[in-house]
Amino acid sequence: MARSTAKRAFKYRFYPTDAQAAELSRTFGCVRLVYNRALAHRTAAWFTEQRRINYNEASAALTAWKKDPDPAFLNEVSSVPLQQGLRHLQTAFRNFFDQRAEYPRFKSRKKSKASAEYSRSGFAYSDGQITLAKMAEPLDIVWSRPLPEGAQPSTVTVSRDRADRWHVSILCEDTITRLPASDQAVGVDTGLTSLVTLSTGEKVANPKHERRDRAKLAKAQRELSRKAKGSANRDKARTKAARVYARIADRRKDFLHELSTRLVRENQVVVIEDLTVRTMVKNRKLARAISDAAWTQFRSMLEYKAAWYGRELVTIDRFFPFSKLCSACGTLQETLALDVREWTCSCGVTHDRDVNAAINIRAAGLAASACGAGVRPQREPSRTGRSATKQEGHGATRDGAQAPNHR
């Protein structure tokens, strides 16, 4: 079997000592401060002098800040995460100038993720233990799965989420064995009642993770609203609410991993819709259900897993008329209301709306794969004005991308 190497991040829970938690909390704050100072410095230089500041100049400014009596506490933490913060800012500016992202924003103590990244010079890895710079003891990591044999971590990222859980993400080289070639192809129609409907006729029910815990979440939010702002009890209530959110997110991610892995393993070609979820969630009636379905996260998993295992992912333009087109005779219905789940074509065939759509998606994807279409459909606003419904039209593309942090 063909094999390839890829950078993969393996994420684990760990439980810091009081001293380690205090050191990491200081580091998180310093990383955020350096990032914000460098962003303000670069922004001011552009608007006052029309001058761009690169990473080297920002690094020299960091050295000067450390000598300043006011932020002298920057010397108390490891310099490696601070330098990595400047590199992340440089990447953010590069993405902005290449029109791949918006202008970088300042990090917030309350809203931004608390994390610090250590490159190879900022940690020691020996005998399955990781010791960060400025720390005397290794991290107490729960090794829920082993690292690849002979792995040498290149980067270690430590983070604390809103639920007060500590995680360490270890980046290293991994060898990925490509799956044997298959002649199977499947079309995938996403929805809210059935999370996905396959061209084989199978429907995978939507687990509705958020709805299952909605009562617990509402209770936690009510308790949070009653606490005095700035009090210790409010912090405890906020953590309690965050833990409910975390359980929902964890169950959702685990379910999507299992589903995406199964589709990639069983099929050589997977065909999906190109949905504009950002526009669809503007519908207030369906926003919560659409967000809970996590279609974007599901697509991302399919993309990098297809790239890893030698599969092909094809995306169909959202304007393709997959629901209104008869998969038996090819007749296109002029109108088809969204509440119509079954309809009969003039040829006499009765269709389940979702299954028919999945069959048409598969056919269009195979046609695109055969002719070698390679242009991603443009993510333009809806032409119909219906922001929270799947739009239908023409076109298809082949797609695939890598992401490092999943199984």
Protein backbone atom coordinates (compact mmCIF):
# COMPACT_ATOMS: atom_id res chain seq x y z
CA MET A 1 0.00 0.00 0.00
CA ALA A 2 1.11 3.52 -0.76
CA ARG A 3 2.24 5.56 2.19
CA SER A 4 2.83 9.24 2.79
CA THR A 5 4.03 11.41 5.64
CA ALA A 6 2.13 14.35 7.05
CA LYS A 7 2.31 16.69 9.99
CA ARG A 8 -0.33 15.68 12.52
CA ALA A 9 -1.21 17.14 15.89
CA PHE A 10 -2.20 14.78 18.70
CA LYS A 11 -4.26 16.42 21.43
CA TYR A 12 -4.35 15.21 25.04
CA ARG A 13 -5.72 16.30 28.39
CA PHE A 14 -3.23 17.08 31.12
CA TYR A 15 -3.47 18.14 34.74
CA PRO A 16 -0.98 20.82 35.79
CA THR A 17 0.30 21.35 39.30
CA ASP A 18 -0.53 24.64 40.98
CA ALA A 19 2.91 25.97 40.06
CA GLN A 20 2.56 24.88 36.43
CA ALA A 21 -0.94 26.37 36.17
CA ALA A 22 0.32 29.69 37.53
CA GLU A 23 3.29 29.70 35.14
CA LEU A 24 1.14 28.87 32.14
CA SER A 25 -1.47 31.48 33.07
CA ARG A 26 1.28 34.12 33.19
CA THR A 27 2.57 32.89 29.84
CA PHE A 28 -0.89 33.12 28.26
CA GLY A 29 -1.20 36.71 29.43
CA CYS A 30 2.25 37.66 28.16
CA VAL A 31 1.62 36.07 24.76
CA ARG A 32 -1.61 38.02 24.44
CA LEU A 33 0.12 41.26 25.50
CA VAL A 34 2.97 40.83 23.02
CA TYR A 35 0.56 40.00 20.20
CA ASN A 36 -1.59 43.06 20.90
CA ARG A 37 1.42 45.39 21.29
CA ALA A 38 2.93 44.17 18.04
CA LEU A 39 -0.40 44.56 16.23
CA ALA A 40 -0.80 48.13 17.54
CA HIS A 41 2.82 48.90 16.60
CA ARG A 42 2.42 47.61 13.06
CA THR A 43 -0.93 49.35 12.60
CA ALA A 44 0.45 52.70 13.83
CA ALA A 45 3.51 52.40 11.57
CA TRP A 46 1.29 51.90 8.54
CA PHE A 47 -1.18 54.70 9.22
CA THR A 48 1.44 57.26 10.30
CA GLU A 49 4.40 56.39 8.05
CA GLN A 50 2.91 54.09 5.39
CA ARG A 51 5.55 51.58 6.47
CA ARG A 52 5.18 47.83 6.83
CA ILE A 53 6.88 46.15 9.77
CA ASN A 54 8.04 42.57 9.29
CA TYR A 55 8.68 39.83 11.83
CA ASN A 56 12.34 40.77 12.38
CA GLU A 57 11.45 44.34 13.30
CA ALA A 58 8.67 43.15 15.60
CA SER A 59 11.13 40.77 17.28
CA ALA A 60 13.58 43.64 17.84
CA ALA A 61 10.72 45.67 19.36
CA LEU A 62 9.99 42.78 21.73
CA THR A 63 13.58 42.90 22.95
CA ALA A 64 13.16 46.61 23.69
CA TRP A 65 9.88 46.02 25.53
CA LYS A 66 11.60 43.54 27.83
CA LYS A 67 14.08 46.24 28.86
CA ASP A 68 11.25 48.65 29.65
CA PRO A 69 10.48 48.72 33.41
CA ASP A 70 6.72 48.67 32.82
CA PRO A 71 6.38 45.26 31.05
CA ALA A 72 9.54 43.83 32.65
CA PHE A 73 7.48 40.78 33.70
CA LEU A 74 7.88 39.55 30.12
CA ASN A 75 11.30 38.29 31.22
CA GLU A 76 9.71 35.99 33.80
CA VAL A 77 8.22 33.63 31.21
CA SER A 78 9.79 31.64 28.40
CA SER A 79 10.67 33.76 25.37
CA VAL A 80 9.72 30.97 22.93
CA PRO A 81 5.89 31.40 23.15
CA LEU A 82 6.33 35.17 22.82
CA GLN A 83 8.30 34.74 19.59
CA GLN A 84 5.72 32.25 18.34
CA GLY A 85 3.01 34.83 19.00
CA LEU A 86 4.86 37.27 16.72
CA ARG A 87 5.08 34.57 14.05
CA HIS A 88 1.33 33.99 14.29
CA LEU A 89 0.77 37.71 13.84
CA GLN A 90 3.04 37.68 10.79
CA THR A 91 0.97 34.83 9.34
CA ALA A 92 -2.24 36.76 10.04
CA PHE A 93 -0.90 39.77 8.13
CA ARG A 94 0.25 37.57 5.25
CA ASN A 95 -3.22 36.07 4.99
CA PHE A 96 -4.71 39.57 5.05
CA PHE A 97 -2.45 40.88 2.29
CA ASP A 98 -3.16 37.77 0.21
CA GLN A 99 -6.91 38.45 0.71
CA ARG A 100 -7.46 35.16 2.51
CA ALA A 101 -8.56 36.76 5.79
CA GLU A 102 -9.67 40.00 7.39
CA TYR A 103 -7.35 42.45 9.13
CA PRO A 104 -5.91 40.93 12.34
CA ARG A 105 -7.83 41.68 15.52
CA PHE A 106 -6.66 42.28 19.06
CA LYS A 107 -6.83 39.34 21.44
CA SER A 108 -9.28 39.56 24.32
CA ARG A 109 -8.60 38.22 27.81
CA LYS A 110 -12.19 36.98 28.09
CA LYS A 111 -12.99 35.86 24.55
CA SER A 112 -9.73 34.77 22.91
CA LYS A 113 -8.33 31.29 23.35
CA ALA A 114 -5.72 31.03 26.12
CA SER A 115 -2.80 29.21 24.52
CA ALA A 116 0.97 29.22 24.18
CA GLU A 117 3.04 27.49 21.52
CA TYR A 118 6.50 26.09 22.24
CA SER A 119 8.87 25.27 19.39
CA ARG A 120 11.62 22.66 19.70
CA SER A 121 13.87 24.92 21.78
CA GLY A 122 11.13 25.54 24.33
CA PHE A 123 10.49 22.00 25.60
CA ALA A 124 12.21 18.70 26.28
CA TYR A 125 10.74 15.36 25.19
CA SER A 126 12.23 12.25 26.74
CA ASP A 127 10.89 8.83 27.72
CA GLY A 128 7.35 9.83 26.82
CA GLN A 129 7.40 12.92 29.00
CA ILE A 130 7.25 16.60 28.03
CA THR A 131 8.83 19.30 30.15
CA LEU A 132 8.26 22.92 29.15
CA ALA A 133 10.77 25.72 29.55
CA LYS A 134 10.77 27.43 32.98
CA MET A 135 9.26 24.29 34.54
CA ALA A 136 10.96 21.76 36.81
CA GLU A 137 8.48 18.91 36.35
CA PRO A 138 7.02 17.24 33.24
CA LEU A 139 3.36 17.67 32.37
CA ASP A 140 0.97 15.09 33.76
CA ILE A 141 -0.48 14.05 30.40
CA VAL A 142 -3.24 11.48 29.99
CA TRP A 143 -1.95 9.50 27.00
CA SER A 144 -5.31 8.43 25.58
CA ARG A 145 -3.54 7.18 22.45
CA PRO A 146 0.15 6.73 21.70
CA LEU A 147 2.22 9.03 19.53
CA PRO A 148 3.52 7.51 16.26
CA GLU A 149 6.43 5.17 16.84
CA GLY A 150 9.70 7.06 16.92
CA ALA A 151 7.93 10.42 16.76
CA GLN A 152 9.91 13.54 17.62
CA PRO A 153 7.56 16.44 18.42
CA SER A 154 8.38 19.67 16.60
CA THR A 155 5.83 21.89 18.35
CA VAL A 156 3.90 21.68 21.61
CA THR A 157 0.86 23.92 22.14
CA VAL A 158 -0.64 24.24 25.59
CA SER A 159 -4.15 25.65 26.01
CA ARG A 160 -6.91 26.12 28.56
CA ASP A 161 -10.51 26.23 27.37
CA ARG A 162 -13.51 28.04 28.87
CA ALA A 163 -14.47 24.89 30.77
CA ASP A 164 -11.15 25.16 32.63
CA ARG A 165 -9.76 22.05 30.93
CA TRP A 166 -6.08 21.93 30.04
CA HIS A 167 -4.92 20.43 26.74
CA VAL A 168 -1.58 19.86 25.08
CA SER A 169 -1.35 19.48 21.30
CA ILE A 170 1.78 17.73 20.05
CA LEU A 171 2.76 18.23 16.40
CA CYS A 172 4.91 15.53 14.79
CA GLU A 173 5.46 13.61 11.56
CA ASP A 174 3.18 10.64 11.01
CA THR A 175 3.10 7.99 8.32
CA ILE A 176 -0.33 7.58 6.74
CA THR A 177 -1.21 4.42 4.83
CA ARG A 178 -3.52 5.09 1.91
CA LEU A 179 -6.64 2.98 1.66
CA PRO A 180 -6.99 0.40 -1.12
CA ALA A 181 -8.66 1.75 -4.26
CA SER A 182 -12.42 1.25 -4.45
CA ASP A 183 -15.01 1.53 -7.21
CA GLN A 184 -17.64 2.95 -4.85
CA ALA A 185 -18.94 6.51 -5.04
CA VAL A 186 -21.55 8.21 -2.90
CA GLY A 187 -23.54 11.43 -3.05
CA VAL A 188 -24.23 13.16 0.26
CA ASP A 189 -27.21 15.46 0.81
CA THR A 190 -27.09 17.31 4.13
CA GLY A 191 -30.17 18.34 6.09
CA LEU A 192 -31.63 19.02 9.52
CA THR A 193 -34.05 16.11 10.09
CA SER A 194 -31.57 13.66 8.59
CA LEU A 195 -28.06 14.96 9.06
CA VAL A 196 -27.01 13.29 5.81
CA THR A 197 -28.89 11.32 3.17
CA LEU A 198 -26.78 9.06 0.97
CA SER A 199 -27.37 8.20 -2.67
CA THR A 200 -27.69 4.57 -1.53
CA GLY A 201 -30.97 5.56 0.14
CA GLU A 202 -29.55 5.45 3.67
CA LYS A 203 -30.46 8.28 6.01
CA VAL A 204 -28.35 9.18 9.05
CA ALA A 205 -30.50 10.80 11.71
CA ASN A 206 -29.45 14.14 13.15
CA PRO A 207 -28.37 13.51 16.78
CA LYS A 208 -29.27 17.13 17.72
CA HIS A 209 -26.64 17.28 20.44
CA GLU A 210 -27.49 20.80 21.50
CA ARG A 211 -31.19 20.04 21.88
CA ARG A 212 -30.46 17.06 24.13
CA ASP A 213 -28.70 19.29 26.64
CA ARG A 214 -30.77 22.42 26.11
CA ALA A 215 -32.44 22.19 29.53
CA LYS A 216 -29.09 21.84 31.31
CA LEU A 217 -27.66 24.67 29.26
CA ALA A 218 -30.61 26.95 30.03
CA LYS A 219 -30.33 26.21 33.75
CA ALA A 220 -26.60 26.96 33.73
CA GLN A 221 -27.19 30.22 31.87
CA ARG A 222 -29.91 31.28 34.32
CA GLU A 223 -27.61 30.64 37.26
CA LEU A 224 -24.87 32.63 35.54
CA SER A 225 -27.18 35.59 34.96
CA ARG A 226 -28.01 35.80 38.67
CA LYS A 227 -24.41 36.11 39.83
CA ALA A 228 -22.88 39.50 40.53
CA LYS A 229 -20.48 40.67 37.85
CA GLY A 230 -16.85 40.34 38.87
CA SER A 231 -17.58 37.90 41.69
CA ALA A 232 -15.95 34.52 42.26
CA ASN A 233 -19.38 32.87 42.10
CA ARG A 234 -19.90 34.30 38.64
CA ASP A 235 -16.62 32.76 37.47
CA LYS A 236 -17.73 29.39 38.86
CA ALA A 237 -21.11 29.67 37.13
CA ARG A 238 -19.43 30.65 33.85
CA THR A 239 -17.18 27.59 34.05
CA LYS A 240 -20.20 25.37 34.76
CA ALA A 241 -22.01 26.69 31.68
CA ALA A 242 -18.85 26.27 29.60
CA ARG A 243 -18.63 22.62 30.62
CA VAL A 244 -22.12 21.98 29.25
CA TYR A 245 -21.10 23.61 25.96
CA ALA A 246 -17.91 21.52 25.94
CA ARG A 247 -19.81 18.25 26.35
CA ILE A 248 -22.08 19.18 23.45
CA ALA A 249 -19.12 20.09 21.23
CA ASP A 250 -17.22 16.93 22.14
CA ARG A 251 -20.15 14.63 21.34
CA ARG A 252 -20.79 16.45 18.08
CA LYS A 253 -17.15 16.21 17.01
CA ASP A 254 -16.93 12.53 17.89
CA PHE A 255 -20.08 11.74 15.88
CA LEU A 256 -18.85 13.67 12.84
CA HIS A 257 -15.47 11.94 13.03
CA GLU A 258 -17.08 8.52 12.94
CA LEU A 259 -19.39 9.46 10.07
CA SER A 260 -16.73 11.15 7.93
CA THR A 261 -14.23 8.33 8.49
CA ARG A 262 -16.82 5.77 7.48
CA LEU A 263 -17.70 7.62 4.24
CA VAL A 264 -14.05 8.03 3.28
CA ARG A 265 -13.19 4.40 4.02
CA GLU A 266 -16.14 2.96 2.08
CA ASN A 267 -16.01 5.17 -1.03
CA GLN A 268 -13.41 6.23 -3.55
CA VAL A 269 -15.40 9.36 -4.48
CA VAL A 270 -17.51 11.39 -2.05
CA VAL A 271 -19.71 14.13 -3.52
CA ILE A 272 -21.14 16.90 -1.33
CA GLU A 273 -22.93 20.24 -1.68
CA ASP A 274 -21.16 23.58 -1.48
CA LEU A 275 -23.34 25.22 1.20
CA THR A 276 -22.90 28.82 2.39
CA VAL A 277 -23.50 28.17 6.06
CA ARG A 278 -22.43 31.69 7.04
CA THR A 279 -25.35 33.07 5.06
CA MET A 280 -27.80 30.37 6.08
CA VAL A 281 -27.45 30.98 9.83
CA LYS A 282 -28.84 34.49 9.34
CA ASN A 283 -32.27 32.90 9.41
CA ARG A 284 -33.27 33.27 13.08
CA LYS A 285 -35.69 30.37 13.01
CA LEU A 286 -33.14 27.83 11.80
CA ALA A 287 -29.83 29.33 12.98
CA ARG A 288 -29.59 27.18 16.11
CA ALA A 289 -30.41 23.95 14.26
CA ILE A 290 -28.00 24.75 11.43
CA SER A 291 -25.20 25.56 13.85
CA ASP A 292 -25.81 22.34 15.75
CA ALA A 293 -25.63 20.31 12.52
CA ALA A 294 -22.05 21.62 11.98
CA TRP A 295 -22.01 21.11 8.21
CA THR A 296 -18.83 23.16 7.80
CA GLN A 297 -16.97 21.04 10.35
CA PHE A 298 -18.21 17.88 8.64
CA ARG A 299 -16.97 19.10 5.25
CA SER A 300 -13.58 20.02 6.71
CA MET A 301 -13.17 16.50 8.08
CA LEU A 302 -14.06 14.98 4.73
CA GLU A 303 -11.57 17.24 2.95
CA TYR A 304 -8.44 16.37 4.91
CA LYS A 305 -9.33 12.69 5.38
CA ALA A 306 -9.89 12.31 1.63
CA ALA A 307 -6.48 13.90 1.01
CA TRP A 308 -4.81 11.66 3.59
CA TYR A 309 -6.24 8.37 2.40
CA GLY A 310 -6.16 8.88 -1.37
CA ARG A 311 -9.85 9.52 -1.87
CA GLU A 312 -11.54 12.18 -4.01
CA LEU A 313 -13.92 14.76 -2.63
CA VAL A 314 -16.11 16.57 -5.16
CA THR A 315 -18.18 19.64 -4.29
CA ILE A 316 -21.32 20.58 -6.20
CA ASP A 317 -22.28 24.20 -6.74
CA ARG A 318 -25.20 25.12 -4.51
CA PHE A 319 -27.21 26.28 -7.55
CA PHE A 320 -27.33 22.78 -9.03
CA PRO A 321 -31.05 21.72 -9.17
CA PHE A 322 -30.49 18.44 -7.34
CA SER A 323 -33.87 18.40 -5.56
CA LYS A 324 -36.05 19.37 -8.54
CA LEU A 325 -34.36 17.13 -11.10
CA CYS A 326 -35.83 13.68 -11.62
CA SER A 327 -33.00 11.17 -11.20
CA ALA A 328 -34.87 8.63 -13.36
CA CYS A 329 -35.75 10.61 -16.52
CA GLY A 330 -33.97 13.94 -16.07
CA THR A 331 -37.13 16.08 -16.07
CA LEU A 332 -36.70 19.37 -14.20
CA GLN A 333 -39.62 20.52 -12.07
CA GLU A 334 -40.41 24.21 -12.37
CA THR A 335 -41.18 24.63 -8.68
CA LEU A 336 -40.84 22.44 -5.62
CA ALA A 337 -41.77 23.89 -2.22
CA LEU A 338 -39.38 23.23 0.63
CA ASP A 339 -42.06 21.48 2.70
CA VAL A 340 -42.62 18.88 -0.04
CA ARG A 341 -40.60 15.84 1.03
CA GLU A 342 -41.96 13.43 -1.60
CA TRP A 343 -43.03 14.16 -5.15
CA THR A 344 -44.00 12.24 -8.28
CA CYS A 345 -42.43 12.98 -11.65
CA SER A 346 -44.40 12.98 -14.91
CA CYS A 347 -42.63 9.72 -15.77
CA GLY A 348 -44.45 8.08 -12.88
CA VAL A 349 -41.53 7.69 -10.47
CA THR A 350 -42.14 8.83 -6.89
CA HIS A 351 -39.10 10.39 -5.24
CA ASP A 352 -38.03 10.96 -1.69
CA ARG A 353 -36.75 14.53 -1.95
CA ASP A 354 -33.49 13.94 -0.07
CA VAL A 355 -32.64 10.59 -1.65
CA ASN A 356 -33.33 12.00 -5.12
CA ALA A 357 -31.07 14.96 -4.35
CA ALA A 358 -28.27 12.66 -3.16
CA ILE A 359 -28.53 10.56 -6.35
CA ASN A 360 -28.30 13.69 -8.51
CA ILE A 361 -25.38 15.00 -6.45
CA ARG A 362 -23.54 11.73 -7.02
CA ALA A 363 -24.20 11.81 -10.78
CA ALA A 364 -23.04 15.41 -11.10
CA GLY A 365 -19.94 14.72 -9.03
CA LEU A 366 -18.94 11.72 -11.12
CA ALA A 367 -19.38 13.79 -14.28
CA ALA A 368 -17.18 16.54 -12.84
CA SER A 369 -14.55 14.01 -11.79
CA ALA A 370 -14.52 12.43 -15.23
CA CYS A 371 -14.08 15.72 -17.10
CA GLY A 372 -11.50 17.04 -14.62
CA ALA A 373 -13.25 20.20 -13.40
CA GLY A 374 -10.93 21.98 -11.03
CA VAL A 375 -12.33 25.37 -10.15
CA ARG A 376 -13.90 25.83 -6.75
CA PRO A 377 -17.41 27.32 -6.96
CA GLN A 378 -17.57 30.95 -5.90
CA ARG A 379 -19.15 31.54 -2.50
CA GLU A 380 -21.43 34.34 -3.65
CA PRO A 381 -24.63 35.57 -1.97
CA SER A 382 -27.84 33.68 -2.56
CA ARG A 383 -29.66 34.64 -5.74
CA THR A 384 -33.01 33.73 -4.26
CA GLY A 385 -32.83 35.76 -1.09
CA ARG A 386 -33.57 32.67 1.03
CA SER A 387 -30.63 32.78 3.42
CA ALA A 388 -31.35 29.64 5.42
CA THR A 389 -32.17 27.13 2.69
CA LYS A 390 -29.98 25.08 0.42
CA GLN A 391 -29.67 26.84 -2.92
CA GLU A 392 -29.67 24.87 -6.14
CA GLY A 393 -27.98 25.46 -9.48
CA HIS A 394 -25.14 24.18 -11.62
CA GLY A 395 -21.47 23.30 -11.50
CA ALA A 396 -19.14 21.00 -9.58
CA THR A 397 -15.52 20.91 -8.48
CA ARG A 398 -13.02 18.50 -7.05
CA ASP A 399 -11.74 19.49 -3.66
CA GLY A 400 -9.38 18.27 -0.97
CA ALA A 401 -7.33 19.85 1.81
CA GLN A 402 -5.31 18.77 4.84
CA ALA A 403 -5.95 19.60 8.47
CA PRO A 404 -3.65 18.43 11.23
CA ASN A 405 -5.65 18.00 14.37
CA HIS A 406 -8.07 15.07 13.88
CA ARG A 407 -8.14 11.33 13.64
